[in-house]
N, C-alpha and C. Protein backbone atom coordinates (compact mmCIF):
# COMPACT_ATOMS: atom_id res chain seq x y z
N MET A 1 92.48 116.03 106.53
CA MET A 1 93.94 116.09 106.57
C MET A 1 94.37 117.22 107.51
N PRO A 2 95.41 116.98 108.32
CA PRO A 2 95.85 118.04 109.21
C PRO A 2 96.34 119.26 108.46
N ASP A 3 96.34 120.41 109.15
CA ASP A 3 96.87 121.64 108.58
C ASP A 3 98.36 121.46 108.32
N ILE A 4 98.76 121.41 107.05
CA ILE A 4 100.13 121.05 106.72
C ILE A 4 101.12 122.16 107.00
N THR A 5 100.65 123.37 107.30
CA THR A 5 101.59 124.43 107.67
C THR A 5 101.74 124.54 109.18
N GLY A 6 101.08 123.65 109.91
CA GLY A 6 101.03 123.73 111.34
C GLY A 6 102.07 122.89 112.04
N PRO A 7 101.89 122.70 113.36
CA PRO A 7 102.90 122.03 114.18
C PRO A 7 103.11 120.57 113.82
N ILE A 8 102.10 119.89 113.28
CA ILE A 8 102.27 118.48 112.94
C ILE A 8 103.31 118.32 111.83
N VAL A 9 103.25 119.20 110.83
CA VAL A 9 104.25 119.16 109.76
C VAL A 9 105.63 119.48 110.31
N ASN A 10 105.69 120.49 111.17
CA ASN A 10 106.98 120.84 111.77
C ASN A 10 107.54 119.67 112.57
N PHE A 11 106.67 118.99 113.31
CA PHE A 11 107.11 117.82 114.07
C PHE A 11 107.65 116.74 113.13
N ALA A 12 106.91 116.48 112.04
CA ALA A 12 107.33 115.43 111.10
C ALA A 12 108.68 115.75 110.47
N THR A 13 108.84 116.99 110.01
CA THR A 13 110.09 117.33 109.33
C THR A 13 111.26 117.39 110.31
N GLU A 14 111.02 117.88 111.51
CA GLU A 14 112.09 117.92 112.51
C GLU A 14 112.52 116.51 112.92
N THR A 15 111.55 115.61 113.03
CA THR A 15 111.86 114.23 113.40
C THR A 15 112.65 113.54 112.31
N VAL A 16 112.22 113.72 111.06
CA VAL A 16 112.96 113.13 109.94
C VAL A 16 114.35 113.74 109.85
N GLY A 17 114.44 115.04 110.06
CA GLY A 17 115.75 115.69 110.01
C GLY A 17 116.70 115.19 111.07
N ALA A 18 116.16 114.84 112.24
CA ALA A 18 117.00 114.39 113.34
C ALA A 18 117.36 112.91 113.25
N HIS A 19 116.44 112.10 112.72
CA HIS A 19 116.63 110.65 112.78
C HIS A 19 116.65 109.97 111.42
N GLY A 20 116.47 110.72 110.35
CA GLY A 20 116.66 110.19 109.01
C GLY A 20 115.69 109.11 108.60
N VAL A 21 116.22 108.04 108.01
CA VAL A 21 115.41 106.98 107.41
C VAL A 21 114.53 106.29 108.44
N TRP A 22 115.04 106.08 109.65
CA TRP A 22 114.24 105.42 110.68
C TRP A 22 113.01 106.24 111.02
N ALA A 23 113.14 107.55 111.02
CA ALA A 23 111.98 108.41 111.29
C ALA A 23 110.96 108.31 110.17
N VAL A 24 111.43 108.26 108.93
CA VAL A 24 110.52 108.07 107.80
C VAL A 24 109.72 106.78 107.99
N PHE A 25 110.40 105.71 108.35
CA PHE A 25 109.76 104.41 108.54
C PHE A 25 108.70 104.46 109.63
N VAL A 26 109.05 104.98 110.80
CA VAL A 26 108.12 105.00 111.93
C VAL A 26 106.94 105.93 111.68
N LEU A 27 107.21 107.11 111.14
CA LEU A 27 106.14 108.07 110.90
C LEU A 27 105.17 107.58 109.82
N MET A 28 105.69 106.87 108.81
CA MET A 28 104.80 106.33 107.79
C MET A 28 103.94 105.19 108.34
N ILE A 29 104.47 104.45 109.31
CA ILE A 29 103.64 103.46 110.00
C ILE A 29 102.47 104.16 110.69
N LEU A 30 102.78 105.23 111.41
CA LEU A 30 101.74 105.96 112.13
C LEU A 30 100.69 106.53 111.16
N GLU A 31 101.16 107.13 110.07
CA GLU A 31 100.24 107.73 109.09
C GLU A 31 99.30 106.70 108.50
N SER A 32 99.82 105.52 108.17
CA SER A 32 99.00 104.49 107.55
C SER A 32 98.12 103.76 108.56
N ALA A 33 98.44 103.93 109.84
CA ALA A 33 97.60 103.35 110.90
C ALA A 33 96.54 104.34 111.37
N CYS A 34 96.28 105.37 110.56
CA CYS A 34 95.22 106.36 110.80
C CYS A 34 95.57 107.39 111.85
N ILE A 35 96.83 107.52 112.19
CA ILE A 35 97.27 108.58 113.09
C ILE A 35 97.67 109.79 112.25
N PRO A 36 97.19 110.99 112.57
CA PRO A 36 97.29 112.14 111.66
C PRO A 36 98.71 112.72 111.54
N VAL A 37 99.56 112.02 110.81
CA VAL A 37 100.89 112.52 110.45
C VAL A 37 100.92 112.60 108.93
N PRO A 38 101.17 113.77 108.34
CA PRO A 38 101.06 113.91 106.87
C PRO A 38 102.19 113.24 106.12
N SER A 39 101.84 112.28 105.26
CA SER A 39 102.85 111.58 104.48
C SER A 39 103.57 112.52 103.52
N GLU A 40 102.89 113.59 103.09
CA GLU A 40 103.53 114.55 102.19
C GLU A 40 104.78 115.14 102.83
N ALA A 41 104.63 115.60 104.08
CA ALA A 41 105.77 116.20 104.77
C ALA A 41 106.87 115.18 105.01
N ILE A 42 106.49 113.97 105.41
CA ILE A 42 107.48 112.93 105.71
C ILE A 42 108.31 112.59 104.48
N MET A 43 107.62 112.26 103.39
CA MET A 43 108.33 111.76 102.22
C MET A 43 109.04 112.86 101.44
N VAL A 44 108.41 114.04 101.33
CA VAL A 44 109.07 115.12 100.61
C VAL A 44 110.33 115.57 101.34
N PHE A 45 110.25 115.67 102.67
CA PHE A 45 111.44 116.08 103.41
C PHE A 45 112.50 114.98 103.39
N GLY A 46 112.07 113.72 103.40
CA GLY A 46 113.03 112.63 103.25
C GLY A 46 113.75 112.70 101.93
N GLY A 47 113.01 112.99 100.86
CA GLY A 47 113.64 113.17 99.55
C GLY A 47 114.56 114.37 99.51
N PHE A 48 114.16 115.43 100.21
CA PHE A 48 115.00 116.63 100.30
C PHE A 48 116.34 116.30 100.97
N LEU A 49 116.30 115.53 102.07
CA LEU A 49 117.53 115.14 102.74
C LEU A 49 118.41 114.27 101.83
N ALA A 50 117.75 113.42 101.03
CA ALA A 50 118.52 112.62 100.07
C ALA A 50 119.21 113.51 99.06
N GLY A 51 118.52 114.56 98.62
CA GLY A 51 119.13 115.51 97.68
C GLY A 51 120.30 116.25 98.29
N GLN A 52 120.30 116.39 99.62
CA GLN A 52 121.41 117.03 100.32
C GLN A 52 122.55 116.06 100.62
N GLY A 53 122.36 114.79 100.24
CA GLY A 53 123.39 113.79 100.47
C GLY A 53 123.44 113.26 101.89
N LYS A 54 122.41 113.52 102.69
CA LYS A 54 122.42 113.11 104.10
C LYS A 54 121.88 111.70 104.30
N VAL A 55 121.05 111.25 103.39
CA VAL A 55 120.51 109.89 103.45
C VAL A 55 120.44 109.34 102.03
N SER A 56 120.23 108.04 101.91
CA SER A 56 120.09 107.40 100.61
C SER A 56 118.66 107.56 100.11
N PHE A 57 118.51 107.97 98.85
CA PHE A 57 117.17 108.11 98.27
C PHE A 57 116.44 106.76 98.26
N ILE A 58 117.14 105.71 97.87
CA ILE A 58 116.52 104.37 97.83
C ILE A 58 116.07 103.96 99.22
N ALA A 59 116.90 104.25 100.24
CA ALA A 59 116.53 103.90 101.61
C ALA A 59 115.30 104.67 102.07
N VAL A 60 115.18 105.94 101.68
CA VAL A 60 114.01 106.74 102.04
C VAL A 60 112.74 106.15 101.42
N VAL A 61 112.81 105.80 100.15
CA VAL A 61 111.65 105.22 99.47
C VAL A 61 111.29 103.87 100.08
N ALA A 62 112.29 103.03 100.32
CA ALA A 62 112.05 101.72 100.92
C ALA A 62 111.42 101.85 102.30
N ALA A 63 111.92 102.80 103.09
CA ALA A 63 111.36 103.02 104.43
C ALA A 63 109.92 103.51 104.35
N GLY A 64 109.64 104.40 103.39
CA GLY A 64 108.28 104.90 103.22
C GLY A 64 107.32 103.81 102.81
N VAL A 65 107.73 102.97 101.88
CA VAL A 65 106.87 101.88 101.41
C VAL A 65 106.65 100.87 102.54
N ALA A 66 107.73 100.47 103.21
CA ALA A 66 107.61 99.48 104.30
C ALA A 66 106.73 100.01 105.42
N GLY A 67 106.92 101.28 105.79
CA GLY A 67 106.10 101.87 106.83
C GLY A 67 104.64 101.94 106.43
N ASN A 68 104.38 102.27 105.17
CA ASN A 68 103.01 102.34 104.67
C ASN A 68 102.33 100.98 104.77
N VAL A 69 103.03 99.93 104.37
CA VAL A 69 102.45 98.58 104.40
C VAL A 69 102.19 98.14 105.84
N ILE A 70 103.16 98.33 106.73
CA ILE A 70 103.00 97.88 108.11
C ILE A 70 101.89 98.66 108.82
N GLY A 71 101.84 99.96 108.60
CA GLY A 71 100.75 100.75 109.19
C GLY A 71 99.39 100.32 108.67
N SER A 72 99.33 99.96 107.40
CA SER A 72 98.08 99.48 106.81
C SER A 72 97.69 98.13 107.41
N TRP A 73 98.67 97.29 107.70
CA TRP A 73 98.38 96.03 108.40
C TRP A 73 97.69 96.30 109.73
N ILE A 74 98.20 97.28 110.47
CA ILE A 74 97.62 97.61 111.77
C ILE A 74 96.16 98.03 111.62
N ALA A 75 95.90 98.94 110.68
CA ALA A 75 94.53 99.41 110.47
C ALA A 75 93.63 98.28 109.99
N TRP A 76 94.15 97.43 109.10
CA TRP A 76 93.39 96.27 108.61
C TRP A 76 93.02 95.35 109.78
N TRP A 77 93.99 95.11 110.67
CA TRP A 77 93.75 94.24 111.83
C TRP A 77 92.69 94.86 112.75
N VAL A 78 92.77 96.16 112.96
CA VAL A 78 91.77 96.83 113.79
C VAL A 78 90.38 96.66 113.18
N GLY A 79 90.29 96.87 111.87
CA GLY A 79 89.00 96.70 111.21
C GLY A 79 88.47 95.28 111.33
N MET A 80 89.36 94.29 111.18
CA MET A 80 88.93 92.89 111.20
C MET A 80 88.55 92.42 112.60
N THR A 81 89.31 92.82 113.61
CA THR A 81 89.11 92.27 114.95
C THR A 81 88.28 93.16 115.87
N LYS A 82 88.32 94.48 115.64
CA LYS A 82 87.66 95.41 116.55
C LYS A 82 86.41 96.05 115.96
N GLY A 83 86.46 96.32 114.65
CA GLY A 83 85.29 96.89 114.00
C GLY A 83 85.26 98.41 113.99
N ARG A 84 84.30 98.93 113.28
CA ARG A 84 84.15 100.37 113.04
C ARG A 84 83.93 101.16 114.33
N GLU A 85 83.02 100.68 115.19
CA GLU A 85 82.67 101.45 116.38
C GLU A 85 83.86 101.59 117.33
N TRP A 86 84.67 100.55 117.44
CA TRP A 86 85.85 100.63 118.29
C TRP A 86 86.81 101.69 117.77
N ALA A 87 87.01 101.72 116.45
CA ALA A 87 87.93 102.69 115.86
C ALA A 87 87.45 104.12 116.10
N LEU A 88 86.13 104.32 116.08
CA LEU A 88 85.58 105.66 116.24
C LEU A 88 85.70 106.18 117.68
N ARG A 89 85.99 105.32 118.62
CA ARG A 89 86.14 105.77 120.01
C ARG A 89 87.36 106.67 120.19
N TRP A 90 88.37 106.47 119.35
CA TRP A 90 89.64 107.16 119.55
C TRP A 90 89.64 108.46 118.77
N HIS A 91 88.97 109.47 119.33
CA HIS A 91 88.76 110.73 118.61
C HIS A 91 90.08 111.44 118.27
N TRP A 92 91.08 111.28 119.10
CA TRP A 92 92.35 111.96 118.85
C TRP A 92 93.07 111.43 117.61
N LEU A 93 92.64 110.26 117.11
CA LEU A 93 93.23 109.73 115.88
C LEU A 93 92.68 110.40 114.63
N HIS A 94 91.68 111.26 114.80
CA HIS A 94 91.03 111.92 113.67
C HIS A 94 90.29 110.92 112.78
N ILE A 95 89.88 109.78 113.36
CA ILE A 95 89.03 108.84 112.63
C ILE A 95 87.60 109.28 112.86
N THR A 96 87.03 109.99 111.90
CA THR A 96 85.68 110.53 112.05
C THR A 96 84.69 109.68 111.26
N PRO A 97 83.40 109.73 111.63
CA PRO A 97 82.40 109.00 110.85
C PRO A 97 82.41 109.39 109.38
N ALA A 98 82.59 110.68 109.09
CA ALA A 98 82.57 111.13 107.69
C ALA A 98 83.71 110.50 106.90
N ARG A 99 84.89 110.46 107.50
CA ARG A 99 86.04 109.88 106.80
C ARG A 99 85.87 108.37 106.60
N LEU A 100 85.37 107.71 107.62
CA LEU A 100 85.12 106.27 107.47
C LEU A 100 84.00 106.00 106.46
N ASP A 101 82.98 106.86 106.46
CA ASP A 101 81.89 106.70 105.50
C ASP A 101 82.43 106.79 104.07
N ALA A 102 83.33 107.76 103.83
CA ALA A 102 83.90 107.92 102.49
C ALA A 102 84.69 106.67 102.10
N ALA A 103 85.49 106.15 103.04
CA ALA A 103 86.27 104.95 102.75
C ALA A 103 85.35 103.75 102.56
N ASP A 104 84.29 103.66 103.36
CA ASP A 104 83.33 102.56 103.23
C ASP A 104 82.68 102.56 101.86
N ARG A 105 82.24 103.75 101.41
CA ARG A 105 81.59 103.86 100.11
C ARG A 105 82.55 103.47 98.99
N TRP A 106 83.79 103.93 99.12
CA TRP A 106 84.78 103.61 98.10
C TRP A 106 85.03 102.11 98.03
N PHE A 107 85.17 101.48 99.20
CA PHE A 107 85.42 100.04 99.24
C PHE A 107 84.21 99.26 98.74
N ALA A 108 83.00 99.70 99.14
CA ALA A 108 81.79 99.01 98.70
C ALA A 108 81.62 99.08 97.19
N ARG A 109 82.05 100.19 96.60
CA ARG A 109 81.86 100.36 95.16
C ARG A 109 82.91 99.62 94.34
N TYR A 110 84.16 99.64 94.81
CA TYR A 110 85.25 99.11 94.00
C TYR A 110 85.91 97.85 94.56
N GLY A 111 85.56 97.47 95.78
CA GLY A 111 86.10 96.25 96.35
C GLY A 111 87.61 96.28 96.46
N ALA A 112 88.25 95.19 96.03
CA ALA A 112 89.70 95.07 96.15
C ALA A 112 90.43 96.17 95.40
N TRP A 113 89.86 96.62 94.28
CA TRP A 113 90.51 97.70 93.51
C TRP A 113 90.61 98.98 94.32
N ALA A 114 89.69 99.16 95.28
CA ALA A 114 89.72 100.37 96.10
C ALA A 114 91.02 100.46 96.90
N VAL A 115 91.51 99.31 97.37
CA VAL A 115 92.75 99.31 98.14
C VAL A 115 93.92 99.76 97.26
N LEU A 116 93.91 99.32 96.01
CA LEU A 116 94.99 99.69 95.09
C LEU A 116 94.93 101.16 94.70
N ILE A 117 93.79 101.61 94.24
CA ILE A 117 93.66 102.95 93.68
C ILE A 117 93.69 104.02 94.77
N SER A 118 93.07 103.73 95.91
CA SER A 118 92.92 104.76 96.93
C SER A 118 94.23 105.17 97.58
N ARG A 119 95.30 104.39 97.40
CA ARG A 119 96.59 104.76 97.99
C ARG A 119 97.11 106.09 97.45
N CYS A 120 96.55 106.55 96.34
CA CYS A 120 96.99 107.82 95.75
C CYS A 120 95.92 108.90 95.85
N LEU A 121 94.92 108.69 96.71
CA LEU A 121 93.84 109.66 96.85
C LEU A 121 93.87 110.32 98.22
N PRO A 122 93.63 111.63 98.29
CA PRO A 122 93.63 112.33 99.58
C PRO A 122 92.63 111.72 100.55
N ILE A 123 93.00 111.67 101.82
CA ILE A 123 92.17 111.23 102.95
C ILE A 123 91.81 109.75 102.86
N ILE A 124 91.18 109.33 101.74
CA ILE A 124 90.71 107.95 101.64
C ILE A 124 91.87 106.97 101.78
N ARG A 125 93.05 107.35 101.25
CA ARG A 125 94.18 106.41 101.29
C ARG A 125 94.54 106.01 102.71
N THR A 126 94.33 106.94 103.67
CA THR A 126 94.70 106.67 105.05
C THR A 126 93.71 105.71 105.71
N PHE A 127 92.44 105.78 105.32
CA PHE A 127 91.39 105.07 106.05
C PHE A 127 90.85 103.84 105.33
N ILE A 128 91.30 103.55 104.12
CA ILE A 128 90.73 102.45 103.35
C ILE A 128 91.02 101.10 103.99
N SER A 129 92.09 101.00 104.78
CA SER A 129 92.45 99.72 105.39
C SER A 129 91.40 99.25 106.40
N LEU A 130 90.74 100.19 107.07
CA LEU A 130 89.73 99.82 108.06
C LEU A 130 88.55 99.06 107.44
N PRO A 131 87.89 99.60 106.39
CA PRO A 131 86.80 98.83 105.80
C PRO A 131 87.27 97.54 105.14
N ALA A 132 88.52 97.52 104.65
CA ALA A 132 89.07 96.28 104.09
C ALA A 132 89.15 95.21 105.17
N GLY A 133 89.58 95.62 106.36
CA GLY A 133 89.62 94.67 107.47
C GLY A 133 88.25 94.26 107.94
N ILE A 134 87.34 95.22 108.03
CA ILE A 134 85.97 94.92 108.45
C ILE A 134 85.33 93.92 107.48
N ALA A 135 85.62 94.07 106.19
CA ALA A 135 85.10 93.15 105.17
C ALA A 135 85.87 91.83 105.13
N ARG A 136 86.90 91.70 105.98
CA ARG A 136 87.74 90.51 106.05
C ARG A 136 88.38 90.18 104.70
N MET A 137 88.86 91.20 104.05
CA MET A 137 89.61 91.00 102.81
C MET A 137 90.83 90.15 103.11
N PRO A 138 91.13 89.11 102.31
CA PRO A 138 92.26 88.24 102.58
C PRO A 138 93.56 89.02 102.77
N PHE A 139 94.32 88.64 103.80
CA PHE A 139 95.49 89.40 104.21
C PHE A 139 96.50 89.58 103.09
N TRP A 140 96.86 88.51 102.41
CA TRP A 140 97.92 88.61 101.40
C TRP A 140 97.46 89.39 100.16
N ARG A 141 96.18 89.29 99.81
CA ARG A 141 95.67 90.11 98.71
C ARG A 141 95.70 91.58 99.10
N PHE A 142 95.27 91.86 100.32
CA PHE A 142 95.32 93.23 100.83
C PHE A 142 96.76 93.76 100.83
N THR A 143 97.69 92.95 101.28
CA THR A 143 99.10 93.36 101.34
C THR A 143 99.65 93.66 99.96
N LEU A 144 99.38 92.78 99.00
CA LEU A 144 99.90 92.97 97.64
C LEU A 144 99.35 94.24 97.02
N LEU A 145 98.05 94.47 97.13
CA LEU A 145 97.44 95.66 96.54
C LEU A 145 97.91 96.93 97.24
N THR A 146 98.09 96.85 98.54
CA THR A 146 98.61 97.99 99.29
C THR A 146 100.02 98.33 98.83
N LEU A 147 100.84 97.31 98.68
CA LEU A 147 102.23 97.50 98.25
C LEU A 147 102.29 98.15 96.86
N ILE A 148 101.54 97.59 95.92
CA ILE A 148 101.55 98.13 94.55
C ILE A 148 101.00 99.56 94.53
N GLY A 149 99.96 99.79 95.32
CA GLY A 149 99.33 101.11 95.30
C GLY A 149 100.14 102.20 95.95
N CYS A 150 100.93 101.86 96.99
CA CYS A 150 101.63 102.91 97.71
C CYS A 150 102.96 103.29 97.06
N ILE A 151 103.53 102.43 96.23
CA ILE A 151 104.84 102.72 95.64
C ILE A 151 104.84 104.00 94.81
N PRO A 152 103.88 104.22 93.89
CA PRO A 152 103.91 105.47 93.11
C PRO A 152 103.80 106.72 93.99
N TRP A 153 102.94 106.65 95.00
CA TRP A 153 102.75 107.80 95.90
C TRP A 153 104.04 108.14 96.64
N VAL A 154 104.63 107.14 97.24
CA VAL A 154 105.86 107.33 98.02
C VAL A 154 107.00 107.79 97.11
N LEU A 155 107.12 107.16 95.97
CA LEU A 155 108.23 107.47 95.05
C LEU A 155 108.13 108.90 94.53
N LEU A 156 106.95 109.32 94.12
CA LEU A 156 106.80 110.66 93.56
C LEU A 156 106.99 111.75 94.61
N LEU A 157 106.50 111.52 95.82
CA LEU A 157 106.71 112.51 96.86
C LEU A 157 108.20 112.63 97.21
N ALA A 158 108.88 111.49 97.33
CA ALA A 158 110.31 111.53 97.65
C ALA A 158 111.09 112.19 96.52
N TYR A 159 110.71 111.91 95.28
CA TYR A 159 111.41 112.52 94.16
C TYR A 159 111.19 114.03 94.13
N ALA A 160 109.98 114.46 94.50
CA ALA A 160 109.71 115.90 94.56
C ALA A 160 110.65 116.57 95.56
N GLY A 161 110.86 115.92 96.69
CA GLY A 161 111.79 116.47 97.68
C GLY A 161 113.22 116.46 97.19
N LEU A 162 113.57 115.41 96.44
CA LEU A 162 114.92 115.32 95.87
C LEU A 162 115.18 116.44 94.88
N ALA A 163 114.14 116.78 94.11
CA ALA A 163 114.29 117.76 93.03
C ALA A 163 114.18 119.20 93.50
N VAL A 164 113.72 119.42 94.72
CA VAL A 164 113.40 120.78 95.14
C VAL A 164 114.65 121.62 95.41
N GLY A 165 115.76 120.96 95.70
CA GLY A 165 117.00 121.71 95.94
C GLY A 165 116.91 122.59 97.17
N ASP A 166 117.25 123.86 97.00
CA ASP A 166 117.26 124.79 98.14
C ASP A 166 115.92 125.48 98.37
N ASN A 167 114.89 125.05 97.67
CA ASN A 167 113.59 125.71 97.77
C ASN A 167 112.64 125.03 98.76
N TRP A 168 113.18 124.34 99.74
CA TRP A 168 112.34 123.60 100.68
C TRP A 168 111.34 124.49 101.40
N GLU A 169 111.76 125.66 101.85
CA GLU A 169 110.86 126.53 102.61
C GLU A 169 109.64 126.92 101.79
N THR A 170 109.87 127.20 100.50
CA THR A 170 108.73 127.53 99.62
C THR A 170 107.84 126.32 99.42
N LEU A 171 108.45 125.17 99.19
CA LEU A 171 107.68 123.96 98.94
C LEU A 171 106.87 123.55 100.16
N GLN A 172 107.41 123.75 101.35
CA GLN A 172 106.73 123.35 102.57
C GLN A 172 105.34 123.99 102.69
N LYS A 173 105.21 125.22 102.20
CA LYS A 173 103.94 125.91 102.28
C LYS A 173 102.94 125.42 101.23
N GLN A 174 103.42 124.63 100.26
CA GLN A 174 102.56 124.21 99.16
C GLN A 174 102.34 122.70 99.13
N LEU A 175 102.65 122.01 100.23
CA LEU A 175 102.60 120.55 100.20
C LEU A 175 101.22 120.00 99.90
N HIS A 176 100.17 120.74 100.28
CA HIS A 176 98.83 120.21 100.07
C HIS A 176 98.51 120.00 98.60
N TRP A 177 99.23 120.70 97.70
CA TRP A 177 98.98 120.51 96.27
C TRP A 177 99.53 119.19 95.76
N PHE A 178 100.41 118.54 96.52
CA PHE A 178 100.98 117.28 96.04
C PHE A 178 99.94 116.17 95.98
N ASP A 179 98.98 116.19 96.91
CA ASP A 179 97.90 115.22 96.83
C ASP A 179 97.29 115.21 95.43
N TYR A 180 96.97 116.40 94.94
CA TYR A 180 96.24 116.51 93.69
C TYR A 180 97.17 116.33 92.49
N ALA A 181 98.39 116.79 92.59
CA ALA A 181 99.34 116.60 91.49
C ALA A 181 99.62 115.13 91.24
N VAL A 182 99.80 114.36 92.33
CA VAL A 182 100.07 112.93 92.18
C VAL A 182 98.85 112.21 91.62
N VAL A 183 97.66 112.60 92.08
CA VAL A 183 96.44 112.00 91.54
C VAL A 183 96.36 112.22 90.03
N VAL A 184 96.64 113.44 89.58
CA VAL A 184 96.58 113.76 88.15
C VAL A 184 97.60 112.93 87.37
N LEU A 185 98.83 112.85 87.88
CA LEU A 185 99.87 112.11 87.18
C LEU A 185 99.53 110.63 87.06
N ILE A 186 99.10 110.04 88.16
CA ILE A 186 98.78 108.61 88.13
C ILE A 186 97.52 108.36 87.32
N GLY A 187 96.54 109.26 87.43
CA GLY A 187 95.34 109.12 86.61
C GLY A 187 95.66 109.18 85.13
N ALA A 188 96.56 110.08 84.75
CA ALA A 188 96.97 110.18 83.35
C ALA A 188 97.65 108.89 82.90
N GLY A 189 98.46 108.31 83.79
CA GLY A 189 99.12 107.06 83.45
C GLY A 189 98.13 105.92 83.25
N ILE A 190 97.10 105.86 84.11
CA ILE A 190 96.08 104.82 83.97
C ILE A 190 95.32 104.98 82.67
N VAL A 191 94.96 106.23 82.33
CA VAL A 191 94.25 106.49 81.07
C VAL A 191 95.12 106.08 79.89
N TRP A 192 96.40 106.42 79.94
CA TRP A 192 97.31 106.07 78.83
C TRP A 192 97.41 104.56 78.66
N LEU A 193 97.52 103.83 79.78
CA LEU A 193 97.60 102.37 79.69
C LEU A 193 96.31 101.79 79.15
N PHE A 194 95.17 102.36 79.55
CA PHE A 194 93.88 101.87 79.07
C PHE A 194 93.75 102.08 77.57
N ILE A 195 94.10 103.30 77.11
CA ILE A 195 94.02 103.59 75.67
C ILE A 195 94.96 102.69 74.89
N ARG A 196 96.16 102.49 75.42
CA ARG A 196 97.13 101.62 74.74
C ARG A 196 96.61 100.19 74.64
N HIS A 197 95.98 99.70 75.73
CA HIS A 197 95.43 98.35 75.72
C HIS A 197 94.30 98.22 74.70
N ARG A 198 93.41 99.22 74.67
CA ARG A 198 92.31 99.19 73.70
C ARG A 198 92.84 99.23 72.28
N HIS A 199 93.88 100.03 72.05
CA HIS A 199 94.46 100.12 70.71
C HIS A 199 95.04 98.78 70.27
N ARG A 200 95.74 98.11 71.18
CA ARG A 200 96.32 96.82 70.84
C ARG A 200 95.26 95.80 70.51
N ARG A 201 94.16 95.81 71.28
CA ARG A 201 93.06 94.88 71.00
C ARG A 201 92.43 95.17 69.66
N ALA A 202 92.32 96.46 69.31
CA ALA A 202 91.73 96.82 68.02
C ALA A 202 92.60 96.37 66.87
N VAL A 203 93.92 96.46 67.05
CA VAL A 203 94.86 96.02 66.01
C VAL A 203 94.79 94.53 65.80
N VAL A 204 94.71 93.78 66.93
CA VAL A 204 94.63 92.33 66.83
C VAL A 204 93.30 91.89 66.21
């Protein structure tokens, strides 16, 4: 993941600040297409602008989700038509063998579920579309799982920005913790649903 206190974050927040929802949409396409733009900065700052009344919160979330799906389509297509070695040629995209190896292992272990779950995991969420494409995962199944998986991530980041109020400068320095906070929250939700399901089966 890029250094979130560096120029890439500044570029993302300045672009969103200047162009609003459209910038959220375009930058999230780039991030999901494996171009190193941090979704944390994009979505949290978009939520912050919504809290300031400058943009619609619903529009920010919709733009983030749509951009995530479209960018994932691009990466999926690259994986399906060009393959791993072609993707690794573009060093400036930060597509490294180690990152692809991690995504490959995750996809090999969990298959279609990897596309759903990995949308809330650091680093892997950006690169999981490539092995899904290489494996020729059906397009509409990939799209549905990507959509379901990215909504909690986008929504929670945007809400964090909405709730931050005037503390944006402080939050900007701590964005890297959102990866792990969101993972914990969603993981807790999955555990709760699993326990609830087991309890219902035991009662029946």
